Amino acid sequence: MQELLERLLDEVRSAWRFRWIGLAVAVVVAVLGWVVVFALPDRYEAYASVFVDSRTALRPGLQGLTVEQDINVQLNYVRQSLLSGEQLQKIARDSGVLPAGESDPRKVASILDGFAKHVVLNVRSAGNQQNNERDAGSVYSFDYEGKSRAEALKVIQTVQEAFIEQTLGGKRAGTQSAQEFMKAQIDESAQQQRDSDNRLAEFKRAHIGLMPTEQGGYVAQLNSEIDLTKKLENDLNVAQLKRAELGRQLRGESVIGATAANPTGPGAAVGGDTMSRINETQAKLDELLLRFTEKYPDVIALRSTLAELKARRAAEIEKLKTGDASAAASSGISSNPVYQSILLQMNQSDLEITSLKGQVAQHREKVADLRKHLDEAPKVEAQLGDLIRDSDAKKAQYTGLLANYQKMELGERADDAGSVRFETVQPPTAPFSPASPKRFLLLFGVLVTALGIGGALTYLLHVLSPVVGSMNGLAELTGLTVLGMVSPAFPKEQSVRRRGEMLRFIGAGGVLFVAFVCTVLLNRSGFRVPFGAG
């Protein structure tokens, strides 16, 4: 460590010989650097910020009733296009950065390129970590550095106005374009729906007998008709069997026997039929027997008549058993309640059989007609299904387009009512002092750089022209042992001379630092080198 320190001291002593050259170079570099710093043009910064919020009182009430349009998409588009192309040129001309009479394309491109580099547009969320940008809104900030404060303010005001105007105007233009497209699609969809409905109606008219009904398709109708025909045939068979059974009962022993066994009962016939005459003859005979004997001529005549009537009655009963209708009237059985009840049921059965026969014939005819088109009907049903599906699809498309169009119109009216809100957080503002360059830091940097260059030059001259300043250095350089060193003849005079040189050098260096202080004061006073302006 001691050797390293001694070597370092030797290097300093050797370089100290060129201290005035190094200081002179540092002064020259510092002065030139300070002149350059004072020649740098001032840049004034202007800034503004806008808060964009789509969370208005209309939004909850219109939830689901309007087409949600993401304002952030339009904002991002404006953010990307605002500082490029024709929009950048428009802002530059409106703010005065680009002269109105400038037409040289190269010069215009150069001015716009430099202008775009000094305009900064940033965006940040207005919410905290729990809220995203969509929920909390966004804050857009604009910064610009210009040659003058007035220019910077003008540029920022123009950029801010263009940002708001393009966002709202672009949103309206996009909505209007979308509405025009939707209107054209709705008209086209309506025409397609009408054409589809007309095709469906024409197809139904052309195949009126083969259309599905509430009971189902063609095959289902055929199966239903077959089942219904079988049911009617079965009902007809039952009705016919019932009719036959009633006929059997009408000719049966129970009805005839009941009439024969009780000829004078409550249901006995009264009139000119055989049964009535038997009853009358029997009554007269009974009356005569109360007064006369069996030998009385009238009694004998009545008995002969009664026997003849009973024989006729027996013959009528035999005819009744065979179903002779004339025998029923002559025998008086038609007035019997049982006979009348059965006869009434037979008449009802006849009516039911006639009706069922008509229905069976009708449905058999329909089944036969359906069977004729059995091969054609499935194809018709398939075509009908395609037409119905096409009509339903066209109707659903038209209904959806119309609903979305109405939502878009409502959304546009909501936008006009203020569904997106722009609030100026920071109006265009510019400090009176220039924002750049940072002259104090530059002046100090020039001083440090000048001192570094002077010190480096001093060391370089030492390297190019080295000297030995100590016994150890001489021993290291020659490789020989140094036995002693001759001291100065007049050490006090030499010490005074060295101290004087040191004071003069410090004084010269102090002048450099005083010059630095003067440059700082000049900077605060607003001093600038005129030819460096602009």
Protein backbone atom coordinates (compact mmCIF):
# COMPACT_ATOMS: atom_id res chain seq x y z
CA MET A 1 0.00 0.00 0.00
CA GLN A 2 2.86 2.40 0.86
CA GLU A 3 4.58 1.67 -2.42
CA LEU A 4 1.34 2.29 -4.34
CA LEU A 5 0.87 5.59 -2.56
CA GLU A 6 4.44 6.67 -3.30
CA ARG A 7 4.05 5.74 -6.96
CA LEU A 8 0.84 7.77 -7.14
CA LEU A 9 2.62 10.75 -5.61
CA ASP A 10 5.42 10.38 -8.15
CA GLU A 11 2.86 10.47 -10.99
CA VAL A 12 1.25 13.60 -9.55
CA ARG A 13 4.62 15.35 -9.08
CA SER A 14 5.61 14.54 -12.64
CA ALA A 15 2.27 15.70 -14.11
CA TRP A 16 2.36 18.83 -11.96
CA ARG A 17 4.93 20.26 -14.36
CA PHE A 18 2.20 20.76 -17.00
CA ARG A 19 -0.40 22.24 -14.65
CA TRP A 20 -0.58 25.58 -16.44
CA ILE A 21 -1.14 23.94 -19.80
CA GLY A 22 -3.92 21.81 -18.33
CA LEU A 23 -5.52 24.81 -16.62
CA ALA A 24 -5.36 26.86 -19.83
CA VAL A 25 -7.00 24.08 -21.80
CA ALA A 26 -9.69 23.69 -19.09
CA VAL A 27 -10.40 27.43 -19.25
CA VAL A 28 -10.69 27.38 -23.03
CA VAL A 29 -12.96 24.30 -23.00
CA ALA A 30 -15.10 25.78 -20.22
CA VAL A 31 -15.53 29.12 -21.99
CA LEU A 32 -16.39 27.47 -25.30
CA GLY A 33 -18.78 25.08 -23.58
CA TRP A 34 -20.50 27.87 -21.68
CA VAL A 35 -20.92 29.85 -24.89
CA VAL A 36 -22.52 26.81 -26.52
CA VAL A 37 -24.85 26.35 -23.51
CA PHE A 38 -25.92 29.99 -23.67
CA ALA A 39 -26.44 29.61 -27.40
CA LEU A 40 -28.91 26.72 -26.95
CA PRO A 41 -32.49 27.86 -27.65
CA ASP A 42 -35.01 27.93 -24.81
CA ARG A 43 -37.85 25.41 -24.91
CA TYR A 44 -41.07 26.22 -23.05
CA GLU A 45 -43.25 23.38 -21.85
CA ALA A 46 -47.04 23.48 -21.90
CA TYR A 47 -49.29 20.74 -20.60
CA ALA A 48 -52.95 19.88 -20.13
CA SER A 49 -55.01 16.85 -19.05
CA VAL A 50 -58.55 15.65 -19.77
CA PHE A 51 -60.64 13.14 -17.82
CA VAL A 52 -62.80 10.88 -20.01
CA ASP A 53 -65.71 9.18 -18.25
CA SER A 54 -68.45 7.05 -19.84
CA ARG A 55 -70.10 6.28 -16.50
CA THR A 56 -73.04 8.66 -16.64
CA ALA A 57 -76.51 8.51 -15.13
CA LEU A 58 -77.87 7.25 -18.46
CA ARG A 59 -75.73 4.13 -18.54
CA PRO A 60 -77.54 2.05 -15.86
CA GLY A 61 -80.95 2.97 -17.26
CA LEU A 62 -79.94 1.95 -20.78
CA GLN A 63 -78.28 -1.30 -19.77
CA GLY A 64 -79.30 -3.92 -22.33
CA LEU A 65 -81.37 -1.42 -24.35
CA THR A 66 -78.53 0.01 -26.43
CA VAL A 67 -75.58 -1.41 -28.31
CA GLU A 68 -72.60 -0.96 -26.01
CA GLN A 69 -69.90 1.03 -27.82
CA ASP A 70 -66.45 0.90 -26.30
CA ILE A 71 -65.32 4.53 -26.13
CA ASN A 72 -61.80 3.35 -25.28
CA VAL A 73 -61.46 1.87 -28.78
CA GLN A 74 -62.19 5.24 -30.34
CA LEU A 75 -59.91 6.96 -27.85
CA ASN A 76 -57.05 4.61 -28.66
CA TYR A 77 -57.58 5.18 -32.36
CA VAL A 78 -57.53 8.94 -31.90
CA ARG A 79 -54.49 8.62 -29.70
CA GLN A 80 -52.61 6.76 -32.43
CA SER A 81 -53.75 8.94 -35.34
CA LEU A 82 -53.67 12.33 -33.64
CA LEU A 83 -49.93 12.87 -34.09
CA SER A 84 -49.48 11.43 -37.56
CA GLY A 85 -50.42 12.15 -41.13
CA GLU A 86 -52.84 14.85 -42.12
CA GLN A 87 -54.07 15.39 -38.57
CA LEU A 88 -50.55 16.25 -37.37
CA GLN A 89 -50.14 18.70 -40.26
CA LYS A 90 -53.50 20.29 -39.46
CA ILE A 91 -52.55 20.75 -35.80
CA ALA A 92 -49.16 22.20 -36.81
CA ARG A 93 -50.78 24.70 -39.17
CA ASP A 94 -53.57 25.64 -36.75
CA SER A 95 -51.07 26.25 -33.96
CA GLY A 96 -48.65 28.22 -36.16
CA VAL A 97 -45.74 25.77 -35.93
CA LEU A 98 -46.00 25.11 -39.66
CA PRO A 99 -46.18 28.39 -41.61
CA ALA A 100 -49.32 28.72 -43.68
CA GLY A 101 -47.39 29.56 -46.84
CA GLU A 102 -44.91 26.69 -46.56
CA SER A 103 -45.34 24.28 -49.48
CA ASP A 104 -41.94 22.64 -49.88
CA PRO A 105 -42.61 18.93 -49.09
CA ARG A 106 -39.14 18.32 -47.67
CA LYS A 107 -39.27 21.31 -45.38
CA VAL A 108 -42.82 20.49 -44.30
CA ALA A 109 -41.78 16.90 -43.52
CA SER A 110 -38.77 18.14 -41.55
CA ILE A 111 -40.88 20.58 -39.52
CA LEU A 112 -43.54 17.97 -38.82
CA ASP A 113 -40.95 15.40 -37.81
CA GLY A 114 -39.43 17.76 -35.27
CA PHE A 115 -42.89 18.86 -34.13
CA ALA A 116 -44.07 15.28 -33.50
CA LYS A 117 -41.02 14.55 -31.36
CA HIS A 118 -41.94 17.33 -28.93
CA VAL A 119 -45.64 16.44 -28.56
CA VAL A 120 -46.29 13.75 -25.95
CA LEU A 121 -49.68 12.12 -25.30
CA ASN A 122 -50.06 9.82 -22.28
CA VAL A 123 -52.99 7.99 -20.74
CA ARG A 124 -53.51 6.51 -17.31
CA SER A 125 -56.40 5.00 -15.41
CA ALA A 126 -58.22 7.27 -12.98
CA GLY A 127 -59.02 4.37 -10.64
CA ASN A 128 -57.11 2.49 -8.02
CA GLN A 129 -55.97 -1.13 -8.05
CA GLN A 130 -59.54 -2.34 -7.48
CA ASN A 131 -60.95 -0.45 -10.48
CA ASN A 132 -59.95 -0.99 -14.07
CA GLU A 133 -59.81 1.69 -16.71
CA ARG A 134 -63.29 0.94 -18.06
CA ASP A 135 -64.92 1.34 -14.66
CA ALA A 136 -62.95 4.33 -13.39
CA GLY A 137 -62.39 6.33 -16.58
CA SER A 138 -59.10 7.55 -18.02
CA VAL A 139 -56.99 10.66 -17.75
CA TYR A 140 -55.29 11.80 -20.98
CA SER A 141 -52.39 14.20 -20.58
CA PHE A 142 -50.75 16.32 -23.30
CA ASP A 143 -47.22 17.81 -23.16
CA TYR A 144 -45.34 19.95 -25.65
CA GLU A 145 -42.08 21.87 -25.68
CA GLY A 146 -42.00 24.87 -27.98
CA LYS A 147 -39.74 27.75 -28.84
CA SER A 148 -41.94 30.19 -26.95
CA ARG A 149 -44.50 30.00 -24.20
CA ALA A 150 -47.24 31.33 -26.47
CA GLU A 151 -46.47 28.70 -29.09
CA ALA A 152 -46.50 25.91 -26.51
CA LEU A 153 -49.86 27.04 -25.12
CA LYS A 154 -51.34 27.30 -28.62
CA VAL A 155 -50.15 23.83 -29.56
CA ILE A 156 -51.50 22.19 -26.39
CA GLN A 157 -54.86 23.94 -26.74
CA THR A 158 -55.10 22.83 -30.39
CA VAL A 159 -54.15 19.22 -29.54
CA GLN A 160 -56.67 19.06 -26.70
CA GLU A 161 -59.50 20.42 -28.84
CA ALA A 162 -58.60 18.08 -31.70
CA PHE A 163 -58.56 15.12 -29.31
CA ILE A 164 -62.08 15.80 -28.00
CA GLU A 165 -63.46 16.72 -31.42
CA GLN A 166 -62.02 13.65 -33.13
CA THR A 167 -63.20 11.32 -30.37
CA LEU A 168 -66.80 12.54 -30.45
CA GLY A 169 -66.82 13.21 -34.18
CA GLY A 170 -65.26 9.86 -35.00
CA LYS A 171 -67.67 8.10 -32.68
CA ARG A 172 -70.65 9.81 -34.35
CA ALA A 173 -69.25 9.14 -37.82
CA GLY A 174 -68.68 5.50 -36.95
CA THR A 175 -72.18 5.20 -35.51
CA GLN A 176 -73.74 6.87 -38.53
CA SER A 177 -71.83 4.61 -40.91
CA ALA A 178 -72.88 1.58 -38.89
CA GLN A 179 -76.51 2.73 -38.91
CA GLU A 180 -76.48 3.22 -42.66
CA PHE A 181 -75.05 -0.25 -43.10
CA MET A 182 -77.63 -1.70 -40.70
CA LYS A 183 -80.46 0.11 -42.51
CA ALA A 184 -79.37 -1.35 -45.84
CA GLN A 185 -79.14 -4.81 -44.27
CA ILE A 186 -82.61 -4.42 -42.74
CA ASP A 187 -84.14 -3.46 -46.09
CA GLU A 188 -82.42 -6.37 -47.78
CA SER A 189 -83.47 -8.77 -45.01
CA ALA A 190 -87.09 -7.53 -45.19
CA GLN A 191 -87.17 -8.18 -48.94
CA GLN A 192 -85.68 -11.63 -48.44
CA GLN A 193 -88.30 -12.39 -45.80
CA ARG A 194 -91.12 -11.29 -48.13
CA ASP A 195 -89.75 -13.44 -50.93
CA SER A 196 -89.43 -16.40 -48.60
CA ASP A 197 -93.00 -15.96 -47.30
CA ASN A 198 -94.32 -15.70 -50.86
CA ARG A 199 -92.54 -18.90 -51.86
CA LEU A 200 -93.97 -20.65 -48.80
CA ALA A 201 -97.52 -19.43 -49.50
CA GLU A 202 -97.31 -20.42 -53.16
CA PHE A 203 -96.01 -23.87 -52.22
CA LYS A 204 -98.90 -24.36 -49.78
CA ARG A 205 -101.43 -23.36 -52.42
CA ALA A 206 -99.90 -25.76 -54.93
CA HIS A 207 -99.95 -28.68 -52.44
CA ILE A 208 -103.02 -27.86 -50.40
CA GLY A 209 -104.05 -31.50 -49.91
CA LEU A 210 -100.63 -32.65 -48.80
CA MET A 211 -99.95 -30.06 -46.09
CA PRO A 212 -99.42 -31.22 -42.50
CA THR A 213 -102.26 -30.48 -40.09
CA GLU A 214 -102.58 -30.16 -36.35
CA GLN A 215 -102.55 -33.96 -36.18
CA GLY A 216 -99.08 -34.06 -37.71
CA GLY A 217 -97.52 -34.78 -41.08
CA TYR A 218 -98.84 -36.75 -44.00
CA VAL A 219 -97.88 -40.19 -42.67
CA ALA A 220 -99.28 -39.24 -39.28
CA GLN A 221 -102.54 -38.19 -40.95
CA LEU A 222 -102.70 -41.48 -42.85
CA ASN A 223 -102.07 -43.50 -39.71
CA SER A 224 -104.65 -41.41 -37.86
CA GLU A 225 -107.24 -41.98 -40.60
CA ILE A 226 -106.52 -45.72 -40.66
CA ASP A 227 -106.87 -45.92 -36.89
CA LEU A 228 -110.06 -43.87 -36.98
CA THR A 229 -111.49 -46.06 -39.78
CA LYS A 230 -110.74 -49.20 -37.80
CA LYS A 231 -112.41 -47.70 -34.75
CA LEU A 232 -115.52 -46.77 -36.75
CA GLU A 233 -115.63 -50.23 -38.34
CA ASN A 234 -115.40 -51.74 -34.89
CA ASP A 235 -118.18 -49.43 -33.65
CA LEU A 236 -120.27 -50.44 -36.68
CA ASN A 237 -119.78 -54.11 -35.89
CA VAL A 238 -120.78 -53.54 -32.30
CA ALA A 239 -123.87 -51.58 -33.38
CA GLN A 240 -124.86 -54.33 -35.83
CA LEU A 241 -124.43 -56.98 -33.16
CA LYS A 242 -126.53 -54.89 -30.80
CA ARG A 243 -129.19 -54.55 -33.52
CA ALA A 244 -129.22 -58.28 -34.09
CA GLU A 245 -129.50 -58.92 -30.37
CA LEU A 246 -132.45 -56.52 -30.07
CA GLY A 247 -134.16 -58.28 -32.99
CA ARG A 248 -133.62 -61.59 -31.29
CA GLN A 249 -135.04 -60.20 -28.07
CA LEU A 250 -138.05 -58.76 -29.95
CA ARG A 251 -138.85 -62.20 -31.35
CA GLY A 252 -137.89 -63.99 -28.21
CA GLU A 253 -140.04 -66.02 -25.85
CA SER A 254 -139.74 -63.49 -23.04
CA VAL A 255 -141.62 -60.73 -24.88
CA ILE A 256 -144.12 -62.97 -26.57
CA GLY A 257 -144.65 -65.08 -23.47
CA ALA A 258 -145.16 -62.02 -21.30
CA THR A 259 -147.81 -60.73 -23.70
CA ALA A 260 -149.58 -64.07 -23.96
CA ALA A 261 -149.51 -64.73 -20.21
CA ASN A 262 -150.99 -61.35 -19.27
CA PRO A 263 -153.46 -60.42 -21.97
CA THR A 264 -155.56 -58.34 -19.66
CA GLY A 265 -152.81 -56.68 -17.66
CA PRO A 266 -151.87 -52.97 -17.58
CA GLY A 267 -150.09 -53.31 -20.83
CA ALA A 268 -152.85 -55.22 -22.60
CA ALA A 269 -153.88 -53.92 -25.97
CA VAL A 270 -157.22 -52.23 -26.44
CA GLY A 271 -158.76 -52.05 -29.95
CA GLY A 272 -159.54 -54.29 -32.94
CA ASP A 273 -156.55 -56.61 -32.80
CA THR A 274 -156.85 -60.29 -31.91
CA MET A 275 -155.75 -59.82 -28.33
CA SER A 276 -158.39 -57.16 -27.75
CA ARG A 277 -161.12 -59.30 -29.20
CA ILE A 278 -160.08 -62.24 -27.04
CA ASN A 279 -160.24 -60.01 -23.99
CA GLU A 280 -163.69 -58.69 -24.98
CA THR A 281 -165.05 -62.15 -25.79
CA GLN A 282 -163.73 -63.55 -22.54
CA ALA A 283 -165.37 -60.71 -20.62
CA LYS A 284 -168.75 -61.31 -22.29
CA LEU A 285 -168.49 -65.03 -21.65
CA ASP A 286 -167.74 -64.48 -17.99
CA GLU A 287 -170.73 -62.14 -17.73
CA LEU A 288 -173.12 -64.71 -19.38
CA LEU A 289 -171.88 -67.54 -17.20
CA LEU A 290 -172.91 -65.54 -14.19
CA ARG A 291 -176.50 -65.63 -15.43
CA PHE A 292 -176.75 -68.68 -17.68
CA THR A 293 -175.50 -72.23 -17.90
CA GLU A 294 -173.12 -73.82 -20.31
CA LYS A 295 -176.00 -74.94 -22.49
CA TYR A 296 -177.14 -71.48 -23.20
CA PRO A 297 -176.77 -70.82 -26.93
CA ASP A 298 -174.94 -67.50 -26.53
CA VAL A 299 -172.48 -69.12 -24.14
CA ILE A 300 -171.82 -71.88 -26.66
CA ALA A 301 -171.39 -69.33 -29.45
CA LEU A 302 -169.01 -67.22 -27.38
CA ARG A 303 -166.95 -70.28 -26.44
CA SER A 304 -166.69 -71.20 -30.13
CA THR A 305 -165.64 -67.65 -31.01
CA LEU A 306 -163.15 -67.59 -28.12
CA ALA A 307 -161.60 -70.87 -29.29
CA GLU A 308 -161.31 -69.54 -32.81
CA LEU A 309 -159.70 -66.32 -31.56
CA LYS A 310 -157.21 -68.22 -29.41
CA ALA A 311 -156.27 -70.37 -32.36
CA ARG A 312 -155.73 -67.23 -34.38
CA ARG A 313 -153.67 -65.83 -31.45
CA ALA A 314 -151.49 -68.91 -31.41
CA ALA A 315 -150.89 -68.56 -35.16
CA GLU A 316 -149.98 -64.90 -34.68
CA ILE A 317 -147.50 -65.80 -31.95
CA GLU A 318 -145.85 -68.28 -34.29
CA LYS A 319 -145.60 -65.52 -36.90
CA LEU A 320 -144.15 -63.16 -34.28
CA LYS A 321 -141.39 -65.61 -33.63
CA THR A 322 -140.48 -65.47 -37.30
CA GLY A 323 -140.36 -61.63 -37.19
CA ASP A 324 -143.54 -60.85 -39.10
CA ALA A 325 -144.26 -57.14 -38.49
CA SER A 326 -147.96 -57.41 -39.53
CA ALA A 327 -148.45 -60.05 -36.89
CA ALA A 328 -147.28 -57.63 -34.21
CA ALA A 329 -150.02 -55.16 -35.08
CA SER A 330 -152.75 -57.76 -35.33
CA SER A 331 -151.64 -59.54 -32.18
CA GLY A 332 -151.58 -56.36 -30.05
CA ILE A 333 -148.02 -56.99 -28.90
CA SER A 334 -146.97 -53.60 -30.28
CA SER A 335 -148.66 -51.96 -27.31
CA ASN A 336 -146.56 -53.95 -24.86
CA PRO A 337 -144.01 -51.65 -22.97
CA VAL A 338 -141.22 -54.22 -23.26
CA TYR A 339 -141.86 -54.60 -26.95
CA GLN A 340 -142.00 -50.84 -27.42
CA SER A 341 -138.71 -50.34 -25.49
CA ILE A 342 -136.92 -52.94 -27.59
CA LEU A 343 -138.39 -51.52 -30.76
CA LEU A 344 -137.18 -48.02 -29.78
CA GLN A 345 -133.68 -49.32 -29.15
CA MET A 346 -133.76 -51.07 -32.52
CA ASN A 347 -134.70 -47.83 -34.26
CA GLN A 348 -131.82 -46.01 -32.48
CA SER A 349 -129.48 -48.82 -33.49
CA ASP A 350 -130.62 -48.50 -37.11
CA LEU A 351 -129.84 -44.77 -37.03
CA GLU A 352 -126.44 -45.39 -35.43
CA ILE A 353 -125.61 -48.10 -37.97
CA THR A 354 -126.56 -45.82 -40.85
CA SER A 355 -124.40 -43.00 -39.42
CA LEU A 356 -121.45 -45.30 -38.80
CA LYS A 357 -121.68 -46.74 -42.30
CA GLY A 358 -121.53 -43.22 -43.73
CA GLN A 359 -118.50 -42.31 -41.57
CA VAL A 360 -116.72 -45.54 -42.40
CA ALA A 361 -117.26 -44.96 -46.11
CA GLN A 362 -116.05 -41.37 -45.81
CA HIS A 363 -112.87 -42.26 -43.94
CA ARG A 364 -112.17 -45.24 -46.18
CA GLU A 365 -112.34 -42.87 -49.12
CA LYS A 366 -109.97 -40.46 -47.36
CA VAL A 367 -107.53 -43.28 -46.55
CA ALA A 368 -107.61 -44.36 -50.17
CA ASP A 369 -106.95 -40.80 -51.30
CA LEU A 370 -104.06 -40.44 -48.85
CA ARG A 371 -102.56 -43.71 -50.03
CA LYS A 372 -102.52 -42.38 -53.61
CA HIS A 373 -100.07 -39.60 -52.60
CA LEU A 374 -98.04 -41.65 -50.15
CA ASP A 375 -94.89 -41.49 -52.29
CA GLU A 376 -95.25 -37.78 -53.05
CA ALA A 377 -96.19 -36.56 -49.58
CA PRO A 378 -92.80 -37.05 -47.80
CA LYS A 379 -91.06 -35.07 -50.52
CA VAL A 380 -93.64 -32.30 -50.18
CA GLU A 381 -93.20 -32.30 -46.41
CA ALA A 382 -89.42 -32.12 -46.77
CA GLN A 383 -89.69 -29.19 -49.17
CA LEU A 384 -92.21 -27.53 -46.88
CA GLY A 385 -89.87 -27.97 -43.91
CA ASP A 386 -87.02 -26.34 -45.87
CA LEU A 387 -89.25 -23.42 -46.83
CA ILE A 388 -90.49 -22.99 -43.25
CA ARG A 389 -86.95 -23.08 -41.85
CA ASP A 390 -85.81 -20.59 -44.47
CA SER A 391 -88.75 -18.32 -43.65
CA ASP A 392 -88.08 -18.59 -39.90
CA ALA A 393 -84.38 -17.87 -40.42
CA LYS A 394 -85.15 -14.82 -42.54
CA LYS A 395 -87.66 -13.63 -39.96
CA ALA A 396 -85.20 -14.13 -37.08
CA GLN A 397 -82.49 -12.31 -39.02
CA TYR A 398 -84.80 -9.41 -39.79
CA THR A 399 -86.03 -9.22 -36.19
CA GLY A 400 -82.46 -9.27 -34.84
CA LEU A 401 -81.25 -6.62 -37.27
CA LEU A 402 -84.22 -4.39 -36.49
CA ALA A 403 -83.71 -4.76 -32.72
CA ASN A 404 -79.99 -3.94 -33.01
CA TYR A 405 -80.75 -0.96 -35.25
CA GLN A 406 -83.19 0.40 -32.68
CA LYS A 407 -80.56 -0.11 -29.97
CA MET A 408 -78.01 1.79 -32.06
CA GLU A 409 -80.42 4.68 -32.56
CA LEU A 410 -81.14 4.80 -28.85
CA GLY A 411 -77.41 4.66 -28.13
CA GLU A 412 -76.77 7.58 -30.49
CA ARG A 413 -79.45 9.65 -28.79
CA ALA A 414 -77.88 8.73 -25.45
CA ASP A 415 -74.48 9.91 -26.75
CA ASP A 416 -76.03 13.20 -27.82
CA ALA A 417 -77.53 13.47 -24.33
CA GLY A 418 -74.09 13.06 -22.79
CA SER A 419 -73.31 9.40 -22.24
CA VAL A 420 -69.57 10.25 -22.60
CA ARG A 421 -68.21 13.05 -20.46
CA PHE A 422 -65.00 15.03 -20.99
CA GLU A 423 -63.76 16.98 -17.98
CA THR A 424 -60.71 19.26 -18.12
CA VAL A 425 -58.50 18.26 -15.21
CA GLN A 426 -55.69 20.66 -16.10
CA PRO A 427 -56.34 23.44 -18.63
CA PRO A 428 -53.50 24.34 -21.03
CA THR A 429 -50.79 25.73 -18.77
CA ALA A 430 -47.16 26.80 -19.36
CA PRO A 431 -44.66 28.12 -16.79
CA PHE A 432 -42.98 31.39 -17.58
CA SER A 433 -39.51 29.90 -17.15
CA PRO A 434 -38.18 27.62 -19.92
CA ALA A 435 -38.38 23.90 -19.31
CA SER A 436 -35.22 23.08 -21.24
CA PRO A 437 -32.34 23.05 -21.56
CA LYS A 438 -31.36 22.64 -17.92
CA ARG A 439 -28.64 25.28 -18.18
CA PHE A 440 -27.39 25.14 -14.62
CA LEU A 441 -26.70 21.43 -14.94
CA LEU A 442 -25.18 21.98 -18.36
CA LEU A 443 -22.95 24.81 -17.09
CA PHE A 444 -21.80 22.70 -14.19
CA GLY A 445 -21.26 19.75 -16.50
CA VAL A 446 -19.15 21.92 -18.81
CA LEU A 447 -17.00 22.96 -15.84
CA VAL A 448 -16.49 19.38 -14.72
CA THR A 449 -15.78 18.27 -18.27
CA ALA A 450 -13.27 21.10 -18.79
CA LEU A 451 -11.44 20.21 -15.59
CA GLY A 452 -11.42 16.58 -16.64
CA ILE A 453 -10.02 17.40 -20.06
CA GLY A 454 -7.32 19.66 -18.51
CA GLY A 455 -6.32 16.95 -16.03
CA ALA A 456 -6.27 14.30 -18.74
CA LEU A 457 -4.07 16.50 -20.95
CA THR A 458 -1.68 17.11 -18.05
CA TYR A 459 -1.32 13.40 -17.40
CA LEU A 460 -0.89 12.72 -21.12
CA LEU A 461 1.99 15.20 -21.32
CA HIS A 462 3.54 13.52 -18.29
CA VAL A 463 3.28 10.15 -19.99
CA LEU A 464 4.89 11.54 -23.13
CA SER A 465 7.68 13.27 -21.16
CA PRO A 466 8.16 11.40 -17.85
CA VAL A 467 10.65 12.43 -15.08
CA VAL A 468 11.77 10.69 -11.89
CA GLY A 469 10.62 12.48 -8.77
CA SER A 470 11.84 10.16 -5.95
CA MET A 471 14.61 7.75 -4.91
CA ASN A 472 12.31 4.79 -5.21
CA GLY A 473 11.27 5.82 -8.71
CA LEU A 474 14.92 6.17 -9.75
CA ALA A 475 15.79 2.77 -8.25
CA GLU A 476 12.83 1.16 -9.99
CA LEU A 477 13.71 2.83 -13.28
CA THR A 478 17.48 1.97 -13.25
CA GLY A 479 17.39 -1.23 -11.28
CA LEU A 480 20.26 0.02 -9.14
CA THR A 481 20.42 0.73 -5.47
CA VAL A 482 20.23 4.45 -4.69
CA LEU A 483 22.54 5.26 -1.82
CA GLY A 484 21.52 8.87 -1.21
CA MET A 485 19.86 12.01 -2.49
CA VAL A 486 21.28 15.56 -2.68
CA SER A 487 19.04 18.10 -0.97
CA PRO A 488 18.41 21.63 -2.35
CA ALA A 489 21.05 24.20 -1.50
CA PHE A 490 18.51 26.75 -0.38
CA PRO A 491 15.47 24.80 0.92
CA LYS A 492 13.65 27.81 2.38
CA GLU A 493 13.82 29.79 -0.84
CA GLN A 494 12.65 26.80 -2.78
CA SER A 495 9.75 26.26 -0.37
CA VAL A 496 8.70 29.91 -0.68
CA ARG A 497 8.85 29.64 -4.45
CA ARG A 498 6.73 26.50 -4.50
CA ARG A 499 4.17 28.10 -2.18
CA GLY A 500 3.96 31.13 -4.46
CA GLU A 501 3.45 28.95 -7.50
CA MET A 502 0.71 27.05 -5.66
CA LEU A 503 -1.04 30.27 -4.70
CA ARG A 504 -0.87 31.56 -8.26
CA PHE A 505 -2.29 28.32 -9.59
CA ILE A 506 -5.06 28.28 -7.01
CA GLY A 507 -5.81 31.89 -7.87
CA ALA A 508 -6.03 31.03 -11.57
CA GLY A 509 -8.29 28.07 -10.75
CA GLY A 510 -10.38 30.33 -8.54
CA VAL A 511 -10.86 32.66 -11.47
CA LEU A 512 -12.32 29.70 -13.37
CA PHE A 513 -14.77 28.98 -10.56
CA VAL A 514 -15.66 32.67 -10.33
CA ALA A 515 -16.35 32.57 -14.05
CA PHE A 516 -18.68 29.59 -13.41
CA VAL A 517 -20.53 31.58 -10.76
CA CYS A 518 -20.85 34.46 -13.21
CA THR A 519 -22.31 32.15 -15.85
CA VAL A 520 -24.88 30.92 -13.32
CA LEU A 521 -25.86 34.49 -12.51
CA LEU A 522 -26.04 35.35 -16.19
CA ASN A 523 -28.28 32.32 -16.72
CA ARG A 524 -30.65 33.44 -13.98
CA SER A 525 -30.77 36.91 -15.50
CA GLY A 526 -31.86 35.42 -18.82
CA PHE A 527 -28.69 36.08 -20.75
CA ARG A 528 -28.48 34.27 -24.09
CA VAL A 529 -26.05 34.30 -26.97
CA PRO A 530 -28.05 35.86 -29.82
CA PHE A 531 -26.63 33.85 -32.70
CA GLY A 532 -27.56 30.62 -30.97
CA ALA A 533 -31.26 31.50 -30.82
CA GLY A 534 -33.81 29.52 -32.80
